[in-house]
Amino acid sequence: MSLQDELNALRAKSEARLPEEKIAVMHRATEDLEKSGLIDRVPKVGDKAPEFTFNNTEGIVLSSRSLLERGPMVLSFYRGGW
């Protein structure tokens, strides 16, 4: 089974548990995003990220440039609890 087949099965299973009106809202939101052209403006795989600074967990300001000077960097976004 391909990844797309697995994702489609997972989507179908999830949608089977939801009321029709919620499914319709989700599909409309997806269609709105597709029509907005947003996908054409997001970074693509292999694109270089802009330089940035941030505070680490100890409040120290770091820059992406300084971290990249030490080697490859992995960036992860945590959206918080749902």
N, C-alpha and C. Protein backbone atom coordinates (compact mmCIF):
# COMPACT_ATOMS: atom_id res chain seq x y z
N MET A 1 0.85 -1.18 0.00
CA MET A 1 0.00 0.00 0.00
C MET A 1 0.89 1.24 0.00
N SER A 2 0.57 2.18 -0.87
CA SER A 2 1.36 3.41 -0.96
C SER A 2 1.02 4.35 0.20
N LEU A 3 1.88 5.32 0.41
CA LEU A 3 1.61 6.31 1.43
C LEU A 3 0.30 7.04 1.15
N GLN A 4 0.06 7.38 -0.12
CA GLN A 4 -1.18 8.07 -0.47
C GLN A 4 -2.39 7.21 -0.15
N ASP A 5 -2.29 5.89 -0.41
CA ASP A 5 -3.39 4.98 -0.07
C ASP A 5 -3.63 4.96 1.44
N GLU A 6 -2.55 4.95 2.20
CA GLU A 6 -2.68 4.94 3.66
C GLU A 6 -3.31 6.24 4.16
N LEU A 7 -2.88 7.37 3.58
CA LEU A 7 -3.46 8.66 3.97
C LEU A 7 -4.94 8.74 3.62
N ASN A 8 -5.30 8.22 2.44
CA ASN A 8 -6.71 8.22 2.03
C ASN A 8 -7.54 7.36 2.98
N ALA A 9 -7.02 6.23 3.38
CA ALA A 9 -7.73 5.35 4.31
C ALA A 9 -7.89 6.02 5.66
N LEU A 10 -6.85 6.68 6.13
CA LEU A 10 -6.91 7.39 7.41
C LEU A 10 -7.94 8.51 7.35
N ARG A 11 -7.96 9.25 6.24
CA ARG A 11 -8.94 10.33 6.07
C ARG A 11 -10.36 9.77 6.09
N ALA A 12 -10.59 8.68 5.36
CA ALA A 12 -11.92 8.08 5.32
C ALA A 12 -12.35 7.61 6.70
N LYS A 13 -11.44 7.01 7.44
CA LYS A 13 -11.75 6.54 8.79
C LYS A 13 -12.09 7.71 9.71
N SER A 14 -11.34 8.79 9.61
CA SER A 14 -11.59 9.97 10.44
C SER A 14 -12.92 10.61 10.08
N GLU A 15 -13.18 10.74 8.79
CA GLU A 15 -14.42 11.38 8.36
C GLU A 15 -15.65 10.56 8.73
N ALA A 16 -15.50 9.25 8.85
CA ALA A 16 -16.63 8.38 9.21
C ALA A 16 -17.12 8.68 10.62
N ARG A 17 -16.26 9.27 11.45
CA ARG A 17 -16.64 9.58 12.84
C ARG A 17 -17.21 10.98 13.00
N LEU A 18 -17.18 11.79 11.95
CA LEU A 18 -17.59 13.19 12.06
C LEU A 18 -18.96 13.42 11.44
N PRO A 19 -19.69 14.39 11.98
CA PRO A 19 -20.96 14.78 11.35
C PRO A 19 -20.72 15.39 9.97
N GLU A 20 -21.67 15.22 9.09
CA GLU A 20 -21.54 15.72 7.71
C GLU A 20 -21.24 17.21 7.66
N GLU A 21 -21.87 18.00 8.55
CA GLU A 21 -21.66 19.45 8.49
C GLU A 21 -20.22 19.83 8.82
N LYS A 22 -19.58 19.09 9.70
CA LYS A 22 -18.17 19.37 10.02
C LYS A 22 -17.27 18.97 8.86
N ILE A 23 -17.59 17.87 8.23
CA ILE A 23 -16.80 17.44 7.07
C ILE A 23 -16.91 18.49 5.96
N ALA A 24 -18.11 19.01 5.75
CA ALA A 24 -18.31 20.03 4.72
C ALA A 24 -17.49 21.27 5.02
N VAL A 25 -17.44 21.70 6.28
CA VAL A 25 -16.64 22.86 6.66
C VAL A 25 -15.16 22.60 6.38
N MET A 26 -14.68 21.42 6.74
CA MET A 26 -13.27 21.09 6.50
C MET A 26 -12.94 21.10 5.01
N HIS A 27 -13.83 20.53 4.20
CA HIS A 27 -13.58 20.50 2.75
C HIS A 27 -13.62 21.90 2.15
N ARG A 28 -14.54 22.75 2.63
CA ARG A 28 -14.59 24.13 2.13
C ARG A 28 -13.32 24.88 2.51
N ALA A 29 -12.84 24.67 3.73
CA ALA A 29 -11.60 25.35 4.16
C ALA A 29 -10.42 24.91 3.30
N THR A 30 -10.36 23.62 2.99
CA THR A 30 -9.29 23.11 2.13
C THR A 30 -9.38 23.73 0.74
N GLU A 31 -10.58 23.79 0.19
CA GLU A 31 -10.78 24.39 -1.13
C GLU A 31 -10.39 25.87 -1.12
N ASP A 32 -10.76 26.59 -0.07
CA ASP A 32 -10.40 28.00 0.04
C ASP A 32 -8.89 28.19 0.06
N LEU A 33 -8.19 27.34 0.80
CA LEU A 33 -6.73 27.42 0.83
C LEU A 33 -6.13 27.14 -0.54
N GLU A 34 -6.66 26.13 -1.22
CA GLU A 34 -6.14 25.80 -2.56
C GLU A 34 -6.36 26.96 -3.53
N LYS A 35 -7.54 27.59 -3.47
CA LYS A 35 -7.86 28.71 -4.36
C LYS A 35 -7.07 29.97 -4.03
N SER A 36 -6.61 30.11 -2.79
CA SER A 36 -5.92 31.32 -2.37
C SER A 36 -4.55 31.49 -3.03
N GLY A 37 -3.99 30.41 -3.54
CA GLY A 37 -2.66 30.48 -4.13
C GLY A 37 -1.54 30.41 -3.10
N LEU A 38 -1.90 30.19 -1.85
CA LEU A 38 -0.91 30.13 -0.78
C LEU A 38 0.17 29.07 -1.06
N ILE A 39 -0.23 27.96 -1.61
CA ILE A 39 0.72 26.86 -1.85
C ILE A 39 1.86 27.30 -2.77
N ASP A 40 1.59 28.29 -3.64
CA ASP A 40 2.63 28.78 -4.55
C ASP A 40 3.65 29.67 -3.85
N ARG A 41 3.31 30.14 -2.63
CA ARG A 41 4.19 31.07 -1.91
C ARG A 41 4.94 30.42 -0.76
N VAL A 42 4.68 29.16 -0.46
CA VAL A 42 5.36 28.52 0.66
C VAL A 42 6.73 28.01 0.20
N PRO A 43 7.69 27.92 1.12
CA PRO A 43 9.01 27.39 0.74
C PRO A 43 8.90 25.95 0.23
N LYS A 44 9.72 25.64 -0.72
CA LYS A 44 9.77 24.30 -1.29
C LYS A 44 10.94 23.53 -0.69
N VAL A 45 10.91 22.23 -0.81
CA VAL A 45 12.00 21.40 -0.33
C VAL A 45 13.29 21.86 -1.01
N GLY A 46 14.31 22.11 -0.21
CA GLY A 46 15.59 22.54 -0.73
C GLY A 46 15.78 24.05 -0.77
N ASP A 47 14.69 24.81 -0.57
CA ASP A 47 14.81 26.27 -0.52
C ASP A 47 15.62 26.67 0.71
N LYS A 48 16.38 27.75 0.57
CA LYS A 48 17.14 28.27 1.70
C LYS A 48 16.24 29.14 2.56
N ALA A 49 16.24 28.88 3.85
CA ALA A 49 15.42 29.67 4.78
C ALA A 49 16.08 31.02 5.02
N PRO A 50 15.29 32.05 5.28
CA PRO A 50 15.87 33.35 5.62
C PRO A 50 16.56 33.28 6.98
N GLU A 51 17.54 34.12 7.19
CA GLU A 51 18.20 34.17 8.49
C GLU A 51 17.22 34.70 9.53
N PHE A 52 17.36 34.22 10.77
CA PHE A 52 16.47 34.65 11.84
C PHE A 52 17.18 34.54 13.18
N THR A 53 16.62 35.22 14.18
CA THR A 53 17.11 35.11 15.55
C THR A 53 15.95 34.66 16.42
N PHE A 54 16.28 34.08 17.57
CA PHE A 54 15.27 33.59 18.49
C PHE A 54 15.88 33.47 19.88
N ASN A 55 15.03 33.40 20.89
CA ASN A 55 15.49 33.16 22.26
C ASN A 55 15.43 31.66 22.53
N ASN A 56 16.52 31.13 23.08
CA ASN A 56 16.49 29.71 23.43
C ASN A 56 15.74 29.53 24.76
N THR A 57 15.71 28.32 25.28
CA THR A 57 14.95 28.05 26.50
C THR A 57 15.50 28.77 27.72
N GLU A 58 16.74 29.26 27.63
CA GLU A 58 17.35 30.01 28.74
C GLU A 58 17.27 31.52 28.52
N GLY A 59 16.56 31.93 27.45
CA GLY A 59 16.41 33.36 27.16
C GLY A 59 17.57 33.97 26.41
N ILE A 60 18.53 33.17 26.00
CA ILE A 60 19.70 33.67 25.26
C ILE A 60 19.33 33.81 23.79
N VAL A 61 19.65 34.96 23.20
CA VAL A 61 19.36 35.20 21.79
C VAL A 61 20.37 34.45 20.93
N LEU A 62 19.87 33.65 20.03
CA LEU A 62 20.71 32.92 19.08
C LEU A 62 20.30 33.30 17.66
N SER A 63 21.19 33.07 16.72
CA SER A 63 20.86 33.33 15.32
C SER A 63 21.04 32.05 14.52
N SER A 64 20.26 31.96 13.47
CA SER A 64 20.39 30.80 12.59
C SER A 64 21.79 30.77 11.98
N ARG A 65 22.34 31.93 11.68
CA ARG A 65 23.67 31.98 11.08
C ARG A 65 24.71 31.35 12.01
N SER A 66 24.66 31.71 13.31
CA SER A 66 25.66 31.17 14.25
C SER A 66 25.51 29.66 14.41
N LEU A 67 24.29 29.17 14.38
CA LEU A 67 24.08 27.73 14.49
C LEU A 67 24.54 26.99 13.24
N LEU A 68 24.28 27.57 12.08
CA LEU A 68 24.69 26.93 10.83
C LEU A 68 26.21 26.90 10.66
N GLU A 69 26.90 27.83 11.32
CA GLU A 69 28.37 27.82 11.26
C GLU A 69 28.92 26.57 11.94
N ARG A 70 28.14 25.99 12.86
CA ARG A 70 28.57 24.78 13.57
C ARG A 70 28.19 23.50 12.83
N GLY A 71 27.30 23.61 11.85
CA GLY A 71 26.86 22.43 11.09
C GLY A 71 25.39 22.52 10.74
N PRO A 72 24.83 21.44 10.19
CA PRO A 72 23.41 21.44 9.80
C PRO A 72 22.49 21.72 10.99
N MET A 73 21.36 22.30 10.69
CA MET A 73 20.40 22.65 11.73
C MET A 73 19.04 22.04 11.37
N VAL A 74 18.36 21.51 12.36
CA VAL A 74 16.99 21.01 12.18
C VAL A 74 16.07 21.95 12.94
N LEU A 75 15.03 22.40 12.27
CA LEU A 75 14.07 23.32 12.87
C LEU A 75 12.73 22.62 12.99
N SER A 76 12.16 22.65 14.19
CA SER A 76 10.88 22.01 14.44
C SER A 76 9.92 23.02 15.05
N PHE A 77 8.69 23.04 14.57
CA PHE A 77 7.67 23.94 15.11
C PHE A 77 6.69 23.14 15.93
N TYR A 78 6.44 23.61 17.14
CA TYR A 78 5.48 22.98 18.03
C TYR A 78 4.28 23.90 18.17
N ARG A 79 3.11 23.43 17.79
CA ARG A 79 1.92 24.28 17.80
C ARG A 79 1.22 24.29 19.14
N GLY A 80 1.72 23.55 20.09
CA GLY A 80 1.08 23.53 21.41
C GLY A 80 0.04 22.44 21.51
N GLY A 81 -0.60 22.37 22.66
CA GLY A 81 -1.61 21.35 22.87
C GLY A 81 -2.89 21.64 22.09
N TRP A 82 -3.53 20.61 21.66
CA TRP A 82 -4.78 20.75 20.92
C TRP A 82 -5.88 20.45 21.87
